[in-house]
Amino acid sequence: MMSLANLLLSIPLLLVTFFLISSQAAIFEIRNECPYTVWAAASPGGGRRLDRGQSWTLNVAAGTAMARIWGRTNCNFDAGGRGHCQTGDCGGVLDCKGWVDGFNIPMDFSPTSGGCRGMKCTADINGQCPGELKVPDGCNNPCTVFKTNEYCCTQGQGTCGPTNFSRFFKDRCPDAYSFPQDDPTSTFTCPGGTNYRVVFCPRGSPRFPLEMVGSLSEE
C-alpha cells in the first residue's frame, strides 16, 4: 500500500486525528485559528497550549511508526502538567502519550509542498451529532459508546462495515476515517520528506458555542 519512504495519512474520526507511518523525518506546523484556546496534542510529541493565532512546530522523527495530532478544549493543568480537558483529554496530562477518537474542532491538514493532497473536516459535526453520540462540545466515537464489534471491528478484518453512524460522518467529512476498517477511502500517501500544516478552525469553519470562545482555562 505504501513504500517505506512515504507518509501514510488519514483522519480517523472524531477528534479528527492524523495517523502517520514514515521512515523520514517530517515537520508539522500546528496553528490555532479558533477564537478560543486549543491545547494541541501529539502522540508522540506531547502537548502545547495555543491561544488564537499561536503556532507550534513539531518535528516527527524518522522511523516513527504511529502518531496522531489533535486538539483539546476547555483544559486546566497544574504546574506539573496534570489536569483535565473537556474534549480530547488524554489521561489527564498536558503531554499526551496515548490518544482518543472523536470530533471536537474543525481542522485542515495540508502538505506545505506538492506531491499529495490535503484533507479537512470543517462540517458542523457538533451541531448535527446524533443524540446517542453527543457530548459537551463534541461528538463521540460509536465504538466508545456501544463497545460492540459492529462499531469497533474487534473480531478482525471483514467483520464490520459502514453503519448509519459512520455514514453520518462520511457524508459530512469524506476524508475522515469513519469506522475502524475505513482504509480504502480514508488513507493517502505522501512522498517522504514532505512537511505539513495543521490548522484548527480553518477559514470557513462553522461557529462554535460562545462558552468555548470565552474560556479562561489555564495550563
C-alpha atoms as a PDB file:
ATOM      1  CA  MET A   1       0.000   0.000   0.000  1.00  0.00           C
ATOM      2  CA  MET A   2       2.918   2.347   0.624  1.00  0.00           C
ATOM      3  CA  SER A   3       6.665   2.418   0.309  1.00  0.00           C
ATOM      4  CA  LEU A   4       8.822   2.987   3.385  1.00  0.00           C
ATOM      5  CA  ALA A   5       9.735   6.402   2.007  1.00  0.00           C
ATOM      6  CA  ASN A   6       6.123   7.533   2.048  1.00  0.00           C
ATOM      7  CA  LEU A   7       3.884   9.013   4.703  1.00  0.00           C
ATOM      8  CA  LEU A   8       0.501   7.361   5.206  1.00  0.00           C
ATOM      9  CA  LEU A   9      -2.158   9.859   6.227  1.00  0.00           C
ATOM     10  CA  SER A  10      -5.712   9.565   7.428  1.00  0.00           C
ATOM     11  CA  ILE A  11      -8.213  11.494   9.512  1.00  0.00           C
ATOM     12  CA  PRO A  12      -9.665   8.939  11.924  1.00  0.00           C
ATOM     13  CA  LEU A  13     -12.923  10.372  13.173  1.00  0.00           C
ATOM     14  CA  LEU A  14     -13.879  12.033  15.954  1.00  0.00           C
ATOM     15  CA  LEU A  15     -11.341  14.470  17.271  1.00  0.00           C
ATOM     16  CA  VAL A  16     -10.093  14.465  13.700  1.00  0.00           C
ATOM     17  CA  THR A  17      -6.713  12.990  14.418  1.00  0.00           C
ATOM     18  CA  PHE A  18      -3.916  12.264  11.959  1.00  0.00           C
ATOM     19  CA  PHE A  19      -2.102   8.972  11.625  1.00  0.00           C
ATOM     20  CA  LEU A  20       1.317   8.542  10.069  1.00  0.00           C
ATOM     21  CA  ILE A  21       3.960   5.967   9.322  1.00  0.00           C
ATOM     22  CA  SER A  22       7.235   7.281   7.926  1.00  0.00           C
ATOM     23  CA  SER A  23      10.879   6.378   7.524  1.00  0.00           C
ATOM     24  CA  GLN A  24      11.811  10.045   7.075  1.00  0.00           C
ATOM     25  CA  ALA A  25      11.535  12.974   9.472  1.00  0.00           C
ATOM     26  CA  ALA A  26       8.666  15.409   8.972  1.00  0.00           C
ATOM     27  CA  ILE A  27       7.911  18.907  10.290  1.00  0.00           C
ATOM     28  CA  PHE A  28       4.370  19.830  11.322  1.00  0.00           C
ATOM     29  CA  GLU A  29       3.320  23.444  11.830  1.00  0.00           C
ATOM     30  CA  ILE A  30       0.272  23.283  14.125  1.00  0.00           C
ATOM     31  CA  ARG A  31      -1.673  26.550  14.185  1.00  0.00           C
ATOM     32  CA  ASN A  32      -4.740  27.672  16.155  1.00  0.00           C
ATOM     33  CA  GLU A  33      -7.121  29.951  14.263  1.00  0.00           C
ATOM     34  CA  CYS A  34     -10.044  29.283  16.627  1.00  0.00           C
ATOM     35  CA  PRO A  35     -11.476  32.210  18.646  1.00  0.00           C
ATOM     36  CA  TYR A  36     -10.671  30.214  21.802  1.00  0.00           C
ATOM     37  CA  THR A  37      -7.657  28.447  23.294  1.00  0.00           C
ATOM     38  CA  VAL A  38      -6.815  24.997  21.955  1.00  0.00           C
ATOM     39  CA  TRP A  39      -4.440  22.650  23.734  1.00  0.00           C
ATOM     40  CA  ALA A  40      -2.747  20.907  20.829  1.00  0.00           C
ATOM     41  CA  ALA A  41      -1.846  17.276  21.409  1.00  0.00           C
ATOM     42  CA  ALA A  42       0.516  14.951  19.598  1.00  0.00           C
ATOM     43  CA  SER A  43       1.463  11.365  20.323  1.00  0.00           C
ATOM     44  CA  PRO A  44       4.407  11.189  20.168  1.00  0.00           C
ATOM     45  CA  GLY A  45       5.187  14.852  20.732  1.00  0.00           C
ATOM     46  CA  GLY A  46       3.325  15.821  23.888  1.00  0.00           C
ATOM     47  CA  GLY A  47       1.123  18.877  24.108  1.00  0.00           C
ATOM     48  CA  ARG A  48       1.105  22.653  23.917  1.00  0.00           C
ATOM     49  CA  ARG A  49      -1.317  25.436  24.794  1.00  0.00           C
ATOM     50  CA  LEU A  50      -2.125  27.540  21.721  1.00  0.00           C
ATOM     51  CA  ASP A  51      -4.036  30.768  22.098  1.00  0.00           C
ATOM     52  CA  ARG A  52      -5.634  32.228  18.988  1.00  0.00           C
ATOM     53  CA  GLY A  53      -3.028  32.843  16.291  1.00  0.00           C
ATOM     54  CA  GLN A  54      -0.271  30.863  18.002  1.00  0.00           C
ATOM     55  CA  SER A  55       1.668  28.024  16.366  1.00  0.00           C
ATOM     56  CA  TRP A  56       3.650  25.011  17.495  1.00  0.00           C
ATOM     57  CA  THR A  57       6.334  23.439  15.312  1.00  0.00           C
ATOM     58  CA  LEU A  58       6.599  19.715  15.848  1.00  0.00           C
ATOM     59  CA  ASN A  59       9.451  17.603  14.497  1.00  0.00           C
ATOM     60  CA  VAL A  60       8.450  13.963  13.994  1.00  0.00           C
ATOM     61  CA  ALA A  61      11.484  11.698  13.904  1.00  0.00           C
ATOM     62  CA  ALA A  62      12.295   9.331  11.082  1.00  0.00           C
ATOM     63  CA  GLY A  63      11.108   5.811  11.803  1.00  0.00           C
ATOM     64  CA  THR A  64       8.014   6.910  13.726  1.00  0.00           C
ATOM     65  CA  ALA A  65       5.588   4.000  13.440  1.00  0.00           C
ATOM     66  CA  MET A  66       2.331   5.607  14.572  1.00  0.00           C
ATOM     67  CA  ALA A  67       1.363   9.119  15.582  1.00  0.00           C
ATOM     68  CA  ARG A  68      -1.653  11.389  15.883  1.00  0.00           C
ATOM     69  CA  ILE A  69      -2.243  15.126  16.191  1.00  0.00           C
ATOM     70  CA  TRP A  70      -5.451  16.616  17.591  1.00  0.00           C
ATOM     71  CA  GLY A  71      -6.860  19.495  19.590  1.00  0.00           C
ATOM     72  CA  ARG A  72      -8.285  19.668  23.119  1.00  0.00           C
ATOM     73  CA  THR A  73     -10.660  22.253  24.556  1.00  0.00           C
ATOM     74  CA  ASN A  74     -11.509  23.729  27.966  1.00  0.00           C
ATOM     75  CA  CYS A  75      -8.430  22.352  29.717  1.00  0.00           C
ATOM     76  CA  ASN A  76      -6.952  23.066  33.137  1.00  0.00           C
ATOM     77  CA  PHE A  77      -3.458  21.861  34.039  1.00  0.00           C
ATOM     78  CA  ASP A  78      -1.370  22.446  37.147  1.00  0.00           C
ATOM     79  CA  ALA A  79       2.329  23.310  37.186  1.00  0.00           C
ATOM     80  CA  GLY A  80       3.180  19.624  36.886  1.00  0.00           C
ATOM     81  CA  GLY A  81       1.100  19.204  33.726  1.00  0.00           C
ATOM     82  CA  ARG A  82      -1.693  17.248  35.420  1.00  0.00           C
ATOM     83  CA  GLY A  83      -5.320  18.184  34.844  1.00  0.00           C
ATOM     84  CA  HIS A  84      -8.278  17.546  32.579  1.00  0.00           C
ATOM     85  CA  CYS A  85      -9.782  18.643  29.264  1.00  0.00           C
ATOM     86  CA  GLN A  86     -13.486  18.695  28.447  1.00  0.00           C
ATOM     87  CA  THR A  87     -12.795  17.295  24.981  1.00  0.00           C
ATOM     88  CA  GLY A  88      -9.778  15.427  23.642  1.00  0.00           C
ATOM     89  CA  ASP A  89      -8.408  14.509  27.058  1.00  0.00           C
ATOM     90  CA  CYS A  90      -5.534  12.008  27.030  1.00  0.00           C
ATOM     91  CA  GLY A  91      -5.320  10.587  30.520  1.00  0.00           C
ATOM     92  CA  GLY A  92      -5.331  13.895  32.376  1.00  0.00           C
ATOM     93  CA  VAL A  93      -1.900  15.113  31.266  1.00  0.00           C
ATOM     94  CA  LEU A  94      -0.661  18.025  29.158  1.00  0.00           C
ATOM     95  CA  ASP A  95       1.961  15.879  27.388  1.00  0.00           C
ATOM     96  CA  CYS A  96      -0.076  13.153  25.736  1.00  0.00           C
ATOM     97  CA  LYS A  97       1.187   9.583  25.428  1.00  0.00           C
ATOM     98  CA  GLY A  98      -1.995   7.933  24.137  1.00  0.00           C
ATOM     99  CA  TRP A  99      -4.950   9.248  22.147  1.00  0.00           C
ATOM    100  CA  VAL A 100      -8.723   9.288  21.705  1.00  0.00           C
ATOM    101  CA  ASP A 101     -11.157   9.200  18.787  1.00  0.00           C
ATOM    102  CA  GLY A 102     -13.933  11.725  18.350  1.00  0.00           C
ATOM    103  CA  PHE A 103     -14.735  15.117  16.821  1.00  0.00           C
ATOM    104  CA  ASN A 104     -14.481  18.442  18.602  1.00  0.00           C
ATOM    105  CA  ILE A 105     -12.723  21.046  16.415  1.00  0.00           C
ATOM    106  CA  PRO A 106     -12.806  21.615  12.634  1.00  0.00           C
ATOM    107  CA  MET A 107      -9.353  21.005  11.167  1.00  0.00           C
ATOM    108  CA  ASP A 108      -7.387  21.301   7.962  1.00  0.00           C
ATOM    109  CA  PHE A 109      -4.335  19.155   7.256  1.00  0.00           C
ATOM    110  CA  SER A 110      -2.255  20.062   4.207  1.00  0.00           C
ATOM    111  CA  PRO A 111       1.224  19.429   2.816  1.00  0.00           C
ATOM    112  CA  THR A 112       3.386  22.546   2.559  1.00  0.00           C
ATOM    113  CA  SER A 113       4.830  21.264  -0.715  1.00  0.00           C
ATOM    114  CA  GLY A 114       3.398  19.398  -3.689  1.00  0.00           C
ATOM    115  CA  GLY A 115       3.109  15.686  -4.156  1.00  0.00           C
ATOM    116  CA  CYS A 116      -0.023  14.767  -2.229  1.00  0.00           C
ATOM    117  CA  ARG A 117      -3.469  16.053  -1.364  1.00  0.00           C
ATOM    118  CA  GLY A 118      -4.657  17.977   1.665  1.00  0.00           C
ATOM    119  CA  MET A 119      -7.513  16.853   3.903  1.00  0.00           C
ATOM    120  CA  LYS A 120     -10.029  18.681   6.042  1.00  0.00           C
ATOM    121  CA  CYS A 121     -13.112  18.244   8.163  1.00  0.00           C
ATOM    122  CA  THR A 122     -14.948  21.532   8.719  1.00  0.00           C
ATOM    123  CA  ALA A 123     -18.608  20.468   8.759  1.00  0.00           C
ATOM    124  CA  ASP A 124     -20.850  21.281  11.718  1.00  0.00           C
ATOM    125  CA  ILE A 125     -20.408  17.822  13.202  1.00  0.00           C
ATOM    126  CA  ASN A 126     -21.009  19.023  16.765  1.00  0.00           C
ATOM    127  CA  GLY A 127     -24.250  20.784  15.895  1.00  0.00           C
ATOM    128  CA  GLN A 128     -25.628  17.832  13.912  1.00  0.00           C
ATOM    129  CA  CYS A 129     -24.220  14.998  16.056  1.00  0.00           C
ATOM    130  CA  PRO A 130     -26.659  12.087  16.631  1.00  0.00           C
ATOM    131  CA  GLY A 131     -28.102  12.189  20.126  1.00  0.00           C
ATOM    132  CA  GLU A 132     -26.554   8.854  21.140  1.00  0.00           C
ATOM    133  CA  LEU A 133     -23.061  10.199  20.412  1.00  0.00           C
ATOM    134  CA  LYS A 134     -23.408  13.772  21.631  1.00  0.00           C
ATOM    135  CA  VAL A 135     -21.124  15.026  24.413  1.00  0.00           C
ATOM    136  CA  PRO A 136     -20.483  18.608  25.595  1.00  0.00           C
ATOM    137  CA  ASP A 137     -18.712  20.466  22.761  1.00  0.00           C
ATOM    138  CA  GLY A 138     -18.020  17.262  20.833  1.00  0.00           C
ATOM    139  CA  CYS A 139     -19.325  14.167  19.052  1.00  0.00           C
ATOM    140  CA  ASN A 140     -18.227  10.770  20.333  1.00  0.00           C
ATOM    141  CA  ASN A 141     -16.972   7.646  18.585  1.00  0.00           C
ATOM    142  CA  PRO A 142     -19.696   4.932  18.228  1.00  0.00           C
ATOM    143  CA  CYS A 143     -17.188   2.293  19.374  1.00  0.00           C
ATOM    144  CA  THR A 144     -16.591   4.190  22.617  1.00  0.00           C
ATOM    145  CA  VAL A 145     -20.325   4.441  23.232  1.00  0.00           C
ATOM    146  CA  PHE A 146     -21.577   0.989  22.207  1.00  0.00           C
ATOM    147  CA  LYS A 147     -18.425  -1.187  22.507  1.00  0.00           C
ATOM    148  CA  THR A 148     -19.672  -3.801  20.027  1.00  0.00           C
ATOM    149  CA  ASN A 149     -17.981  -5.419  17.032  1.00  0.00           C
ATOM    150  CA  GLU A 150     -20.429  -3.635  14.722  1.00  0.00           C
ATOM    151  CA  TYR A 151     -18.732  -0.334  15.597  1.00  0.00           C
ATOM    152  CA  CYS A 152     -15.319  -1.469  16.932  1.00  0.00           C
ATOM    153  CA  CYS A 153     -14.373  -4.238  14.445  1.00  0.00           C
ATOM    154  CA  THR A 154     -12.753  -6.167  17.310  1.00  0.00           C
ATOM    155  CA  GLN A 155     -13.331  -9.555  15.662  1.00  0.00           C
ATOM    156  CA  GLY A 156     -10.943  -8.884  12.792  1.00  0.00           C
ATOM    157  CA  GLN A 157     -10.780  -7.775   9.182  1.00  0.00           C
ATOM    158  CA  GLY A 158     -14.062  -8.049   7.296  1.00  0.00           C
ATOM    159  CA  THR A 159     -16.255  -8.498  10.376  1.00  0.00           C
ATOM    160  CA  CYS A 160     -17.698  -4.985  10.267  1.00  0.00           C
ATOM    161  CA  GLY A 161     -18.610  -2.327   7.740  1.00  0.00           C
ATOM    162  CA  PRO A 162     -20.222   1.089   7.330  1.00  0.00           C
ATOM    163  CA  THR A 163     -23.103   1.902   9.686  1.00  0.00           C
ATOM    164  CA  ASN A 164     -25.613   4.730   9.872  1.00  0.00           C
ATOM    165  CA  PHE A 165     -23.262   6.481  12.296  1.00  0.00           C
ATOM    166  CA  SER A 166     -20.219   6.104  10.044  1.00  0.00           C
ATOM    167  CA  ARG A 167     -22.251   7.373   7.074  1.00  0.00           C
ATOM    168  CA  PHE A 168     -23.225  10.441   9.110  1.00  0.00           C
ATOM    169  CA  PHE A 169     -19.546  11.354   9.453  1.00  0.00           C
ATOM    170  CA  LYS A 170     -18.539  10.288   5.954  1.00  0.00           C
ATOM    171  CA  ASP A 171     -21.266  12.319   4.266  1.00  0.00           C
ATOM    172  CA  ARG A 172     -20.081  15.475   6.025  1.00  0.00           C
ATOM    173  CA  CYS A 173     -16.329  14.846   6.025  1.00  0.00           C
ATOM    174  CA  PRO A 174     -15.427  12.483   3.135  1.00  0.00           C
ATOM    175  CA  ASP A 175     -11.726  12.434   4.102  1.00  0.00           C
ATOM    176  CA  ALA A 176     -12.456  11.316   7.654  1.00  0.00           C
ATOM    177  CA  TYR A 177     -11.835   7.819   8.952  1.00  0.00           C
ATOM    178  CA  SER A 178     -15.411   6.873   9.787  1.00  0.00           C
ATOM    179  CA  PHE A 179     -15.048   3.308  11.162  1.00  0.00           C
ATOM    180  CA  PRO A 180     -12.078   1.077  12.094  1.00  0.00           C
ATOM    181  CA  GLN A 181     -11.742  -0.581   8.650  1.00  0.00           C
ATOM    182  CA  ASP A 182     -12.256   2.531   6.500  1.00  0.00           C
ATOM    183  CA  ASP A 183      -8.767   2.399   4.940  1.00  0.00           C
ATOM    184  CA  PRO A 184      -9.832   2.249   1.257  1.00  0.00           C
ATOM    185  CA  THR A 185     -11.458   5.713   1.322  1.00  0.00           C
ATOM    186  CA  SER A 186      -9.512   7.437   4.078  1.00  0.00           C
ATOM    187  CA  THR A 187      -5.780   6.744   3.786  1.00  0.00           C
ATOM    188  CA  PHE A 188      -3.469   8.661   1.469  1.00  0.00           C
ATOM    189  CA  THR A 189       0.251   8.567   0.756  1.00  0.00           C
ATOM    190  CA  CYS A 190       2.675  11.471   0.518  1.00  0.00           C
ATOM    191  CA  PRO A 191       6.310  11.429  -0.637  1.00  0.00           C
ATOM    192  CA  GLY A 192       8.965  11.066   2.018  1.00  0.00           C
ATOM    193  CA  GLY A 193      10.356  14.409   3.141  1.00  0.00           C
ATOM    194  CA  THR A 194       7.019  16.231   2.862  1.00  0.00           C
ATOM    195  CA  ASN A 195       6.207  18.707   5.637  1.00  0.00           C
ATOM    196  CA  TYR A 196       2.718  19.652   6.797  1.00  0.00           C
ATOM    197  CA  ARG A 197       0.488  22.347   8.232  1.00  0.00           C
ATOM    198  CA  VAL A 198      -2.346  21.524  10.657  1.00  0.00           C
ATOM    199  CA  VAL A 199      -4.874  24.317  11.268  1.00  0.00           C
ATOM    200  CA  PHE A 200      -7.553  24.310  13.937  1.00  0.00           C
ATOM    201  CA  CYS A 201     -10.675  26.216  12.787  1.00  0.00           C
ATOM    202  CA  PRO A 202      -9.529  26.971   9.224  1.00  0.00           C
ATOM    203  CA  ARG A 203     -11.257  29.759   7.321  1.00  0.00           C
ATOM    204  CA  GLY A 204     -14.895  28.925   6.596  1.00  0.00           C
ATOM    205  CA  SER A 205     -15.373  26.671   9.633  1.00  0.00           C
ATOM    206  CA  PRO A 206     -18.735  26.751  11.450  1.00  0.00           C
ATOM    207  CA  ARG A 207     -19.080  28.886  14.557  1.00  0.00           C
ATOM    208  CA  PHE A 208     -18.915  27.095  17.896  1.00  0.00           C
ATOM    209  CA  PRO A 209     -20.561  27.762  21.286  1.00  0.00           C
ATOM    210  CA  LEU A 210     -19.708  31.060  22.955  1.00  0.00           C
ATOM    211  CA  GLU A 211     -18.670  29.363  26.191  1.00  0.00           C
ATOM    212  CA  MET A 212     -15.678  27.944  24.314  1.00  0.00           C
ATOM    213  CA  VAL A 213     -14.750  31.385  22.984  1.00  0.00           C
ATOM    214  CA  GLY A 214     -14.819  32.832  26.473  1.00  0.00           C
ATOM    215  CA  SER A 215     -12.910  30.024  28.134  1.00  0.00           C
ATOM    216  CA  LEU A 216     -10.473  31.246  30.805  1.00  0.00           C
ATOM    217  CA  SER A 217      -8.805  27.865  31.345  1.00  0.00           C
ATOM    218  CA  GLU A 218      -5.127  27.945  32.239  1.00  0.00           C
ATOM    219  CA  GLU A 219      -2.293  25.476  31.878  1.00  0.00           C
END
